[in-house]
Amino acid sequence: MEQSLETCFEEAVRVAGLLFDRNKVTGSTGNISFRYGGNMYISGSGTCFGWLGRSDFAVVDSSGRQLSDIKPSKEYPLHKIIYDAKPEIHAVIHTHSFYSTLVSCMADEQSRDVFSDITPYLRMKVGTIGMIPRAVPGSAELFDALAQRVHDSGGYLLADHGPLIGGTDIRSAFYGIEEIEETSKIHYYLQAIERRK
């Protein structure tokens, strides 16, 4: 059964607050969206996950036209690309969480699968994680790079930038963004141990 618009807002606000409280986003970084009734509801430009409320969401239609007074995050095309390519996805989260961003600075930009099978949970919750080559945040080059690789992986690391994960609903996107951060942390420490041998 499809969630109501009110429930989607409640869950998006709650998830944003949890991510802020857990230091997965800082200041006005990151963006969160969900799809409902053919439109995208996305955190507005310059908003903070820690104080996000329903009135802080912009509304964008399927053609990319802004329907609200609130201006969408400049990275809303990242979300739209995923929604357009994957009809089963109804929520997208992008953060600058520490370990995921750290790995995004170290991994091969051409990788379609950054992590080996460290634990089964990332595969279960998201699938493979592919790299999106470095480009300026909010730039057409970044959007083009994602569009070219959107079908290659279940989730993404934007090089030198951070993770981008979609889910069938807000909770599944949240579970995915949390899992990629934990996997990134384990991956980083395993790599550090390997380098010391």
N, C-alpha and C. Protein backbone atom coordinates (compact mmCIF):
# COMPACT_ATOMS: atom_id res chain seq x y z
N MET A 1 0.84 -1.19 0.00
CA MET A 1 0.00 0.00 0.00
C MET A 1 0.88 1.26 0.00
N GLU A 2 0.58 2.18 -0.91
CA GLU A 2 1.38 3.40 -1.03
C GLU A 2 1.20 4.29 0.20
N GLN A 3 2.33 4.86 0.63
CA GLN A 3 2.28 5.78 1.77
C GLN A 3 1.59 7.07 1.37
N SER A 4 1.02 7.77 2.35
CA SER A 4 0.44 9.08 2.10
C SER A 4 1.56 10.10 1.97
N LEU A 5 1.24 11.24 1.38
CA LEU A 5 2.21 12.33 1.26
C LEU A 5 2.66 12.78 2.64
N GLU A 6 1.75 12.85 3.58
CA GLU A 6 2.09 13.26 4.94
C GLU A 6 3.10 12.30 5.57
N THR A 7 2.91 11.00 5.37
CA THR A 7 3.84 10.01 5.92
C THR A 7 5.21 10.15 5.28
N CYS A 8 5.24 10.39 3.97
CA CYS A 8 6.52 10.58 3.29
C CYS A 8 7.28 11.78 3.87
N PHE A 9 6.57 12.88 4.08
CA PHE A 9 7.21 14.05 4.69
C PHE A 9 7.73 13.71 6.09
N GLU A 10 6.91 13.06 6.89
CA GLU A 10 7.31 12.71 8.26
C GLU A 10 8.57 11.85 8.26
N GLU A 11 8.61 10.85 7.38
CA GLU A 11 9.77 9.95 7.35
C GLU A 11 11.01 10.67 6.82
N ALA A 12 10.84 11.52 5.81
CA ALA A 12 11.99 12.25 5.26
C ALA A 12 12.59 13.18 6.31
N VAL A 13 11.74 13.88 7.04
CA VAL A 13 12.21 14.79 8.09
C VAL A 13 12.90 14.01 9.21
N ARG A 14 12.31 12.88 9.59
CA ARG A 14 12.92 12.05 10.65
C ARG A 14 14.27 11.50 10.22
N VAL A 15 14.36 10.99 9.00
CA VAL A 15 15.62 10.44 8.50
C VAL A 15 16.67 11.54 8.41
N ALA A 16 16.29 12.71 7.91
CA ALA A 16 17.25 13.82 7.84
C ALA A 16 17.79 14.16 9.23
N GLY A 17 16.90 14.20 10.22
CA GLY A 17 17.33 14.48 11.60
C GLY A 17 18.27 13.42 12.14
N LEU A 18 17.96 12.16 11.86
CA LEU A 18 18.83 11.07 12.31
C LEU A 18 20.21 11.18 11.68
N LEU A 19 20.26 11.46 10.40
CA LEU A 19 21.56 11.58 9.72
C LEU A 19 22.36 12.75 10.27
N PHE A 20 21.69 13.86 10.58
CA PHE A 20 22.37 15.01 11.17
C PHE A 20 22.88 14.67 12.56
N ASP A 21 22.04 14.04 13.38
CA ASP A 21 22.44 13.69 14.74
C ASP A 21 23.59 12.70 14.77
N ARG A 22 23.70 11.87 13.74
CA ARG A 22 24.76 10.86 13.66
C ARG A 22 25.99 11.38 12.92
N ASN A 23 26.03 12.68 12.65
CA ASN A 23 27.17 13.33 11.98
C ASN A 23 27.42 12.81 10.58
N LYS A 24 26.36 12.40 9.88
CA LYS A 24 26.52 11.95 8.49
C LYS A 24 26.39 13.12 7.52
N VAL A 25 25.89 14.25 8.04
CA VAL A 25 25.84 15.51 7.28
C VAL A 25 26.19 16.62 8.25
N THR A 26 26.72 17.70 7.72
CA THR A 26 27.05 18.86 8.55
C THR A 26 26.55 20.12 7.85
N GLY A 27 26.24 21.13 8.65
CA GLY A 27 25.80 22.40 8.07
C GLY A 27 24.67 22.20 7.08
N SER A 28 24.83 22.76 5.90
CA SER A 28 23.78 22.65 4.88
C SER A 28 24.15 21.66 3.78
N THR A 29 25.04 20.71 4.10
CA THR A 29 25.43 19.71 3.10
C THR A 29 24.37 18.62 2.99
N GLY A 30 24.38 17.92 1.88
CA GLY A 30 23.49 16.78 1.66
C GLY A 30 22.12 17.19 1.17
N ASN A 31 21.42 16.24 0.61
CA ASN A 31 20.05 16.45 0.14
C ASN A 31 19.27 15.16 0.19
N ILE A 32 17.97 15.26 0.37
CA ILE A 32 17.10 14.11 0.49
C ILE A 32 15.84 14.38 -0.32
N SER A 33 15.34 13.35 -0.99
CA SER A 33 14.14 13.53 -1.79
C SER A 33 13.27 12.28 -1.76
N PHE A 34 12.02 12.48 -2.14
CA PHE A 34 11.14 11.34 -2.38
C PHE A 34 10.23 11.69 -3.54
N ARG A 35 9.70 10.65 -4.16
CA ARG A 35 8.83 10.83 -5.31
C ARG A 35 7.39 10.49 -4.89
N TYR A 36 6.48 11.37 -5.26
CA TYR A 36 5.07 11.15 -4.90
C TYR A 36 4.17 11.81 -5.93
N GLY A 37 3.21 11.05 -6.45
CA GLY A 37 2.24 11.60 -7.39
C GLY A 37 2.85 12.20 -8.64
N GLY A 38 3.97 11.64 -9.08
CA GLY A 38 4.61 12.14 -10.30
C GLY A 38 5.55 13.31 -10.08
N ASN A 39 5.63 13.84 -8.86
CA ASN A 39 6.53 14.95 -8.54
C ASN A 39 7.64 14.50 -7.60
N MET A 40 8.72 15.26 -7.61
CA MET A 40 9.82 15.04 -6.67
C MET A 40 9.76 16.11 -5.58
N TYR A 41 9.85 15.67 -4.34
CA TYR A 41 9.93 16.56 -3.18
C TYR A 41 11.35 16.45 -2.66
N ILE A 42 12.09 17.55 -2.70
CA ILE A 42 13.52 17.52 -2.35
C ILE A 42 13.86 18.67 -1.41
N SER A 43 14.78 18.40 -0.49
CA SER A 43 15.21 19.44 0.45
C SER A 43 15.68 20.67 -0.34
N GLY A 44 15.29 21.82 0.16
CA GLY A 44 15.57 23.06 -0.54
C GLY A 44 17.04 23.47 -0.48
N SER A 45 17.42 24.34 -1.37
CA SER A 45 18.78 24.85 -1.42
C SER A 45 19.15 25.53 -0.11
N GLY A 46 20.30 25.16 0.45
CA GLY A 46 20.79 25.79 1.67
C GLY A 46 20.14 25.32 2.96
N THR A 47 19.29 24.30 2.90
CA THR A 47 18.64 23.81 4.11
C THR A 47 19.56 22.88 4.89
N CYS A 48 19.28 22.73 6.16
CA CYS A 48 20.08 21.90 7.06
C CYS A 48 19.25 20.70 7.50
N PHE A 49 19.81 19.50 7.40
CA PHE A 49 19.10 18.28 7.82
C PHE A 49 18.67 18.36 9.28
N GLY A 50 19.44 19.07 10.09
CA GLY A 50 19.13 19.14 11.52
C GLY A 50 17.90 19.95 11.85
N TRP A 51 17.50 20.85 10.95
CA TRP A 51 16.32 21.70 11.19
C TRP A 51 15.28 21.55 10.08
N LEU A 52 15.40 20.50 9.30
CA LEU A 52 14.52 20.34 8.15
C LEU A 52 13.07 20.11 8.58
N GLY A 53 12.16 20.83 7.94
CA GLY A 53 10.73 20.66 8.16
C GLY A 53 10.01 20.55 6.82
N ARG A 54 8.76 20.25 6.86
CA ARG A 54 7.98 20.08 5.63
C ARG A 54 8.08 21.30 4.72
N SER A 55 8.09 22.48 5.31
CA SER A 55 8.11 23.71 4.51
C SER A 55 9.47 23.96 3.84
N ASP A 56 10.47 23.13 4.15
CA ASP A 56 11.80 23.28 3.57
C ASP A 56 12.00 22.45 2.31
N PHE A 57 10.95 21.77 1.85
CA PHE A 57 11.05 20.94 0.65
C PHE A 57 10.58 21.71 -0.57
N ALA A 58 11.33 21.59 -1.64
CA ALA A 58 10.92 22.11 -2.94
C ALA A 58 10.16 21.01 -3.68
N VAL A 59 9.34 21.42 -4.61
CA VAL A 59 8.58 20.47 -5.43
C VAL A 59 8.98 20.69 -6.89
N VAL A 60 9.33 19.59 -7.56
CA VAL A 60 9.77 19.63 -8.95
C VAL A 60 8.97 18.60 -9.73
N ASP A 61 8.45 18.95 -10.90
CA ASP A 61 7.68 17.96 -11.65
C ASP A 61 8.59 17.07 -12.48
N SER A 62 8.00 16.13 -13.21
CA SER A 62 8.78 15.12 -13.92
C SER A 62 9.62 15.71 -15.05
N SER A 63 9.30 16.92 -15.50
CA SER A 63 10.10 17.56 -16.54
C SER A 63 11.21 18.43 -15.96
N GLY A 64 11.25 18.55 -14.62
CA GLY A 64 12.28 19.35 -13.97
C GLY A 64 11.84 20.76 -13.66
N ARG A 65 10.56 21.06 -13.86
CA ARG A 65 10.03 22.41 -13.60
C ARG A 65 9.72 22.59 -12.12
N GLN A 66 10.20 23.69 -11.54
CA GLN A 66 9.96 23.99 -10.13
C GLN A 66 8.50 24.40 -9.93
N LEU A 67 7.84 23.75 -8.96
CA LEU A 67 6.42 24.02 -8.69
C LEU A 67 6.20 24.74 -7.36
N SER A 68 7.26 25.04 -6.64
CA SER A 68 7.14 25.64 -5.31
C SER A 68 7.95 26.92 -5.23
N ASP A 69 7.70 27.69 -4.18
CA ASP A 69 8.50 28.89 -3.94
C ASP A 69 9.89 28.53 -3.45
N ILE A 70 10.01 27.40 -2.78
CA ILE A 70 11.31 26.93 -2.27
C ILE A 70 12.15 26.45 -3.44
N LYS A 71 13.39 26.94 -3.52
CA LYS A 71 14.31 26.53 -4.58
C LYS A 71 14.90 25.17 -4.24
N PRO A 72 14.90 24.22 -5.18
CA PRO A 72 15.46 22.90 -4.88
C PRO A 72 16.98 22.94 -4.75
N SER A 73 17.52 21.96 -4.08
CA SER A 73 18.97 21.79 -4.03
C SER A 73 19.53 21.84 -5.44
N LYS A 74 20.71 22.43 -5.59
CA LYS A 74 21.31 22.51 -6.92
C LYS A 74 21.63 21.13 -7.48
N GLU A 75 21.63 20.12 -6.61
CA GLU A 75 21.94 18.77 -7.07
C GLU A 75 20.68 17.94 -7.33
N TYR A 76 19.53 18.61 -7.45
CA TYR A 76 18.31 17.84 -7.72
C TYR A 76 18.40 17.02 -9.00
N PRO A 77 19.18 17.44 -10.04
CA PRO A 77 19.28 16.58 -11.22
C PRO A 77 19.86 15.19 -10.93
N LEU A 78 20.71 15.08 -9.90
CA LEU A 78 21.21 13.75 -9.52
C LEU A 78 20.05 12.84 -9.15
N HIS A 79 19.13 13.37 -8.38
CA HIS A 79 17.97 12.61 -7.93
C HIS A 79 17.07 12.28 -9.13
N LYS A 80 16.85 13.27 -9.98
CA LYS A 80 15.97 13.08 -11.14
C LYS A 80 16.51 12.01 -12.08
N ILE A 81 17.82 11.99 -12.28
CA ILE A 81 18.44 10.99 -13.15
C ILE A 81 18.14 9.59 -12.63
N ILE A 82 18.26 9.40 -11.32
CA ILE A 82 17.98 8.08 -10.74
C ILE A 82 16.50 7.74 -10.87
N TYR A 83 15.62 8.69 -10.57
CA TYR A 83 14.18 8.43 -10.70
C TYR A 83 13.79 8.08 -12.14
N ASP A 84 14.34 8.82 -13.08
CA ASP A 84 14.01 8.58 -14.49
C ASP A 84 14.51 7.21 -14.96
N ALA A 85 15.67 6.80 -14.45
CA ALA A 85 16.27 5.54 -14.91
C ALA A 85 15.73 4.31 -14.19
N LYS A 86 15.25 4.51 -12.95
CA LYS A 86 14.87 3.37 -12.12
C LYS A 86 13.47 3.60 -11.52
N PRO A 87 12.43 3.13 -12.20
CA PRO A 87 11.06 3.37 -11.74
C PRO A 87 10.76 2.82 -10.34
N GLU A 88 11.52 1.81 -9.90
CA GLU A 88 11.28 1.22 -8.58
C GLU A 88 11.80 2.10 -7.44
N ILE A 89 12.62 3.10 -7.76
CA ILE A 89 13.19 3.98 -6.74
C ILE A 89 12.22 5.11 -6.43
N HIS A 90 11.94 5.31 -5.13
CA HIS A 90 11.02 6.37 -4.72
C HIS A 90 11.62 7.32 -3.68
N ALA A 91 12.90 7.13 -3.34
CA ALA A 91 13.58 8.04 -2.43
C ALA A 91 15.08 8.01 -2.73
N VAL A 92 15.72 9.15 -2.59
CA VAL A 92 17.16 9.26 -2.84
C VAL A 92 17.77 10.11 -1.73
N ILE A 93 18.94 9.67 -1.25
CA ILE A 93 19.67 10.43 -0.23
C ILE A 93 21.12 10.62 -0.68
N HIS A 94 21.61 11.83 -0.52
CA HIS A 94 23.02 12.14 -0.78
C HIS A 94 23.59 12.82 0.46
N THR A 95 24.69 12.28 0.96
CA THR A 95 25.36 12.89 2.11
C THR A 95 26.83 13.10 1.79
N HIS A 96 27.54 13.72 2.73
CA HIS A 96 28.99 13.84 2.66
C HIS A 96 29.59 13.11 3.86
N SER A 97 29.01 11.98 4.22
CA SER A 97 29.44 11.24 5.40
C SER A 97 30.93 10.89 5.31
N PHE A 98 31.61 10.91 6.46
CA PHE A 98 33.07 10.93 6.50
C PHE A 98 33.73 9.77 5.77
N TYR A 99 33.42 8.54 6.16
CA TYR A 99 34.14 7.39 5.59
C TYR A 99 33.78 7.15 4.13
N SER A 100 32.53 7.36 3.77
CA SER A 100 32.15 7.21 2.37
C SER A 100 32.86 8.23 1.50
N THR A 101 32.95 9.46 1.99
CA THR A 101 33.65 10.50 1.25
C THR A 101 35.14 10.20 1.18
N LEU A 102 35.70 9.70 2.27
CA LEU A 102 37.12 9.33 2.30
C LEU A 102 37.41 8.27 1.24
N VAL A 103 36.59 7.23 1.19
CA VAL A 103 36.77 6.18 0.18
C VAL A 103 36.59 6.75 -1.22
N SER A 104 35.66 7.70 -1.38
CA SER A 104 35.43 8.29 -2.70
C SER A 104 36.64 9.08 -3.19
N CYS A 105 37.50 9.49 -2.27
CA CYS A 105 38.73 10.21 -2.64
C CYS A 105 39.87 9.25 -3.00
N MET A 106 39.71 7.97 -2.64
CA MET A 106 40.78 6.99 -2.81
C MET A 106 40.50 5.95 -3.89
N ALA A 107 39.25 5.71 -4.20
CA ALA A 107 38.88 4.62 -5.10
C ALA A 107 39.14 4.98 -6.57
N ASP A 108 39.28 3.96 -7.37
CA ASP A 108 39.44 4.11 -8.81
C ASP A 108 38.16 4.69 -9.40
N GLU A 109 38.26 5.83 -10.06
CA GLU A 109 37.08 6.51 -10.60
C GLU A 109 36.35 5.68 -11.65
N GLN A 110 37.01 4.67 -12.22
CA GLN A 110 36.38 3.85 -13.24
C GLN A 110 35.69 2.61 -12.67
N SER A 111 35.78 2.41 -11.36
CA SER A 111 35.23 1.20 -10.75
C SER A 111 33.72 1.14 -10.83
N ARG A 112 33.21 -0.03 -11.21
CA ARG A 112 31.77 -0.27 -11.21
C ARG A 112 31.36 -0.99 -9.93
N ASP A 113 32.35 -1.37 -9.11
CA ASP A 113 32.07 -2.10 -7.87
C ASP A 113 33.21 -1.84 -6.89
N VAL A 114 33.07 -0.79 -6.10
CA VAL A 114 34.17 -0.31 -5.25
C VAL A 114 34.56 -1.31 -4.17
N PHE A 115 33.57 -1.96 -3.57
CA PHE A 115 33.83 -2.79 -2.39
C PHE A 115 33.84 -4.27 -2.73
N SER A 116 34.84 -4.96 -2.18
CA SER A 116 34.79 -6.42 -2.25
C SER A 116 33.71 -6.87 -1.26
N ASP A 117 33.41 -8.13 -1.25
CA ASP A 117 32.36 -8.63 -0.36
C ASP A 117 32.85 -8.69 1.09
N ILE A 118 32.96 -7.52 1.72
CA ILE A 118 33.43 -7.44 3.10
C ILE A 118 32.41 -8.08 4.03
N THR A 119 31.20 -7.61 3.97
CA THR A 119 30.08 -8.23 4.68
C THR A 119 28.94 -8.35 3.66
N PRO A 120 27.97 -9.21 3.89
CA PRO A 120 26.90 -9.38 2.90
C PRO A 120 25.86 -8.25 2.89
N TYR A 121 25.89 -7.38 3.88
CA TYR A 121 24.77 -6.47 4.07
C TYR A 121 24.65 -5.38 3.02
N LEU A 122 25.77 -4.84 2.54
CA LEU A 122 25.69 -3.80 1.52
C LEU A 122 25.08 -4.37 0.24
N ARG A 123 25.51 -5.57 -0.13
CA ARG A 123 24.93 -6.22 -1.32
C ARG A 123 23.43 -6.45 -1.14
N MET A 124 23.05 -6.87 0.07
CA MET A 124 21.64 -7.15 0.34
C MET A 124 20.79 -5.89 0.30
N LYS A 125 21.31 -4.80 0.84
CA LYS A 125 20.51 -3.58 0.96
C LYS A 125 20.57 -2.68 -0.27
N VAL A 126 21.72 -2.69 -0.97
CA VAL A 126 21.91 -1.74 -2.08
C VAL A 126 22.34 -2.44 -3.37
N GLY A 127 23.27 -3.37 -3.27
CA GLY A 127 23.87 -3.97 -4.46
C GLY A 127 25.30 -3.47 -4.60
N THR A 128 25.78 -3.38 -5.82
CA THR A 128 27.14 -2.89 -6.04
C THR A 128 27.16 -1.36 -5.91
N ILE A 129 28.36 -0.85 -5.62
CA ILE A 129 28.55 0.61 -5.52
C ILE A 129 29.55 1.02 -6.58
N GLY A 130 29.10 1.85 -7.50
CA GLY A 130 29.97 2.30 -8.58
C GLY A 130 30.47 3.72 -8.35
N MET A 131 31.61 4.01 -8.92
CA MET A 131 32.17 5.36 -8.84
C MET A 131 31.64 6.24 -9.96
N ILE A 132 31.40 7.49 -9.62
CA ILE A 132 31.06 8.51 -10.60
C ILE A 132 32.24 9.46 -10.66
N PRO A 133 32.89 9.62 -11.82
CA PRO A 133 34.11 10.43 -11.91
C PRO A 133 33.94 11.85 -11.37
N ARG A 134 35.05 12.39 -10.92
CA ARG A 134 35.05 13.71 -10.28
C ARG A 134 34.55 14.80 -11.21
N ALA A 135 33.69 15.63 -10.68
CA ALA A 135 33.21 16.82 -11.38
C ALA A 135 32.74 17.80 -10.31
N VAL A 136 32.66 19.06 -10.65
CA VAL A 136 32.24 20.09 -9.70
C VAL A 136 30.81 19.80 -9.23
N PRO A 137 30.55 19.85 -7.92
CA PRO A 137 29.18 19.64 -7.42
C PRO A 137 28.18 20.58 -8.10
N GLY A 138 27.05 20.02 -8.51
CA GLY A 138 26.01 20.83 -9.14
C GLY A 138 26.26 21.14 -10.60
N SER A 139 27.32 20.55 -11.19
CA SER A 139 27.67 20.88 -12.58
C SER A 139 27.03 19.92 -13.57
N ALA A 140 26.89 20.39 -14.81
CA ALA A 140 26.37 19.54 -15.88
C ALA A 140 27.28 18.34 -16.10
N GLU A 141 28.60 18.52 -15.88
CA GLU A 141 29.54 17.40 -16.05
C GLU A 141 29.25 16.29 -15.05
N LEU A 142 28.91 16.66 -13.82
CA LEU A 142 28.58 15.65 -12.81
C LEU A 142 27.29 14.93 -13.19
N PHE A 143 26.30 15.67 -13.62
CA PHE A 143 25.02 15.06 -14.00
C PHE A 143 25.21 14.12 -15.20
N ASP A 144 26.02 14.53 -16.17
CA ASP A 144 26.29 13.68 -17.33
C ASP A 144 27.02 12.40 -16.92
N ALA A 145 27.97 12.54 -15.99
CA ALA A 145 28.73 11.38 -15.54
C ALA A 145 27.82 10.36 -14.86
N LEU A 146 26.88 10.83 -14.03
CA LEU A 146 25.94 9.90 -13.40
C LEU A 146 25.02 9.28 -14.44
N ALA A 147 24.51 10.07 -15.37
CA ALA A 147 23.59 9.56 -16.38
C ALA A 147 24.23 8.44 -17.19
N GLN A 148 25.53 8.54 -17.45
CA GLN A 148 26.22 7.52 -18.23
C GLN A 148 26.38 6.21 -17.46
N ARG A 149 26.37 6.28 -16.12
CA ARG A 149 26.64 5.09 -15.32
C ARG A 149 25.49 4.67 -14.41
N VAL A 150 24.36 5.32 -14.53
CA VAL A 150 23.27 5.10 -13.58
C VAL A 150 22.79 3.65 -13.56
N HIS A 151 22.88 2.95 -14.69
CA HIS A 151 22.41 1.56 -14.74
C HIS A 151 23.47 0.55 -14.33
N ASP A 152 24.71 1.02 -14.10
CA ASP A 152 25.82 0.10 -13.83
C ASP A 152 25.85 -0.42 -12.39
N SER A 153 25.20 0.27 -11.46
CA SER A 153 25.34 -0.06 -10.04
C SER A 153 24.04 0.20 -9.30
N GLY A 154 23.96 -0.36 -8.08
CA GLY A 154 22.80 -0.11 -7.23
C GLY A 154 22.90 1.19 -6.47
N GLY A 155 24.11 1.64 -6.19
CA GLY A 155 24.37 2.89 -5.48
C GLY A 155 25.67 3.48 -6.01
N TYR A 156 26.01 4.67 -5.53
CA TYR A 156 27.12 5.40 -6.15
C TYR A 156 27.96 6.14 -5.11
N LEU A 157 29.24 6.27 -5.43
CA LEU A 157 30.13 7.19 -4.74
C LEU A 157 30.53 8.25 -5.76
N LEU A 158 30.22 9.51 -5.47
CA LEU A 158 30.66 10.61 -6.31
C LEU A 158 32.10 10.91 -5.92
N ALA A 159 33.02 10.82 -6.85
CA ALA A 159 34.44 10.95 -6.53
C ALA A 159 34.73 12.27 -5.83
N ASP A 160 35.47 12.17 -4.71
CA ASP A 160 35.87 13.33 -3.90
C ASP A 160 34.66 14.11 -3.39
N HIS A 161 33.54 13.43 -3.15
CA HIS A 161 32.30 14.14 -2.87
C HIS A 161 31.43 13.42 -1.85
N GLY A 162 31.08 12.15 -2.11
CA GLY A 162 30.25 11.43 -1.14
C GLY A 162 29.28 10.46 -1.78
N PRO A 163 28.49 9.76 -0.96
CA PRO A 163 27.59 8.72 -1.45
C PRO A 163 26.24 9.25 -1.94
N LEU A 164 25.64 8.49 -2.84
CA LEU A 164 24.33 8.79 -3.41
C LEU A 164 23.59 7.46 -3.52
N ILE A 165 22.49 7.32 -2.77
CA ILE A 165 21.79 6.04 -2.69
C ILE A 165 20.29 6.24 -2.90
N GLY A 166 19.69 5.37 -3.68
CA GLY A 166 18.25 5.36 -3.86
C GLY A 166 17.65 4.16 -3.16
N GLY A 167 16.35 4.24 -2.87
CA GLY A 167 15.65 3.13 -2.24
C GLY A 167 14.20 3.10 -2.69
N THR A 168 13.55 1.97 -2.45
CA THR A 168 12.14 1.85 -2.83
C THR A 168 11.26 2.77 -2.01
N ASP A 169 11.75 3.17 -0.84
CA ASP A 169 11.08 4.16 0.00
C ASP A 169 12.13 4.86 0.84
N ILE A 170 11.71 5.80 1.66
CA ILE A 170 12.67 6.60 2.43
C ILE A 170 13.47 5.74 3.40
N ARG A 171 12.80 4.80 4.05
CA ARG A 171 13.53 3.96 5.00
C ARG A 171 14.60 3.12 4.31
N SER A 172 14.27 2.54 3.16
CA SER A 172 15.26 1.70 2.49
C SER A 172 16.44 2.53 2.00
N ALA A 173 16.19 3.76 1.56
CA ALA A 173 17.29 4.65 1.18
C ALA A 173 18.16 4.98 2.40
N PHE A 174 17.51 5.20 3.54
CA PHE A 174 18.24 5.46 4.79
C PHE A 174 19.09 4.25 5.18
N TYR A 175 18.50 3.05 5.13
CA TYR A 175 19.28 1.86 5.47
C TYR A 175 20.47 1.71 4.53
N GLY A 176 20.27 2.04 3.27
CA GLY A 176 21.37 1.94 2.30
C GLY A 176 22.47 2.94 2.56
N ILE A 177 22.11 4.19 2.87
CA ILE A 177 23.13 5.22 3.10
C ILE A 177 23.91 4.92 4.39
N GLU A 178 23.23 4.36 5.38
CA GLU A 178 23.91 3.95 6.61
C GLU A 178 24.85 2.77 6.34
N GLU A 179 24.39 1.82 5.53
CA GLU A 179 25.20 0.63 5.25
C GLU A 179 26.44 0.97 4.44
N ILE A 180 26.34 1.89 3.50
CA ILE A 180 27.52 2.25 2.72
C ILE A 180 28.54 2.96 3.60
N GLU A 181 28.08 3.72 4.58
CA GLU A 181 29.01 4.39 5.49
C GLU A 181 29.74 3.37 6.37
N GLU A 182 29.00 2.39 6.90
CA GLU A 182 29.64 1.36 7.73
C GLU A 182 30.61 0.52 6.91
N THR A 183 30.22 0.17 5.69
CA THR A 183 31.10 -0.61 4.82
C THR A 183 32.35 0.19 4.46
N SER A 184 32.18 1.48 4.23
CA SER A 184 33.32 2.34 3.91
C SER A 184 34.30 2.40 5.08
N LYS A 185 33.76 2.45 6.28
CA LYS A 185 34.62 2.47 7.48
C LYS A 185 35.41 1.18 7.60
N ILE A 186 34.75 0.05 7.44
CA ILE A 186 35.44 -1.24 7.50
C ILE A 186 36.48 -1.33 6.38
N HIS A 187 36.09 -0.93 5.19
CA HIS A 187 36.98 -0.97 4.03
C HIS A 187 38.24 -0.14 4.29
N TYR A 188 38.05 1.06 4.82
CA TYR A 188 39.19 1.94 5.07
C TYR A 188 40.18 1.30 6.05
N TYR A 189 39.66 0.75 7.15
CA TYR A 189 40.55 0.15 8.15
C TYR A 189 41.20 -1.12 7.64
N LEU A 190 40.50 -1.91 6.85
CA LEU A 190 41.12 -3.10 6.27
C LEU A 190 42.24 -2.71 5.31
N GLN A 191 42.03 -1.66 4.54
CA GLN A 191 43.06 -1.17 3.64
C GLN A 191 44.28 -0.65 4.42
N ALA A 192 44.01 0.03 5.53
CA ALA A 192 45.10 0.55 6.36
C ALA A 192 45.93 -0.60 6.93
N ILE A 193 45.27 -1.65 7.38
CA ILE A 193 45.97 -2.83 7.91
C ILE A 193 46.81 -3.47 6.82
N GLU A 194 46.24 -3.57 5.62
CA GLU A 194 46.96 -4.18 4.48
C GLU A 194 48.20 -3.37 4.13
N ARG A 195 48.08 -2.05 4.21
CA ARG A 195 49.25 -1.19 3.87
C ARG A 195 50.37 -1.34 4.87
N ARG A 196 50.05 -1.71 6.11
CA ARG A 196 51.09 -1.83 7.16
C ARG A 196 51.84 -3.16 7.08
N LYS A 197 51.32 -4.11 6.33
CA LYS A 197 51.98 -5.43 6.27
C LYS A 197 53.28 -5.37 5.51
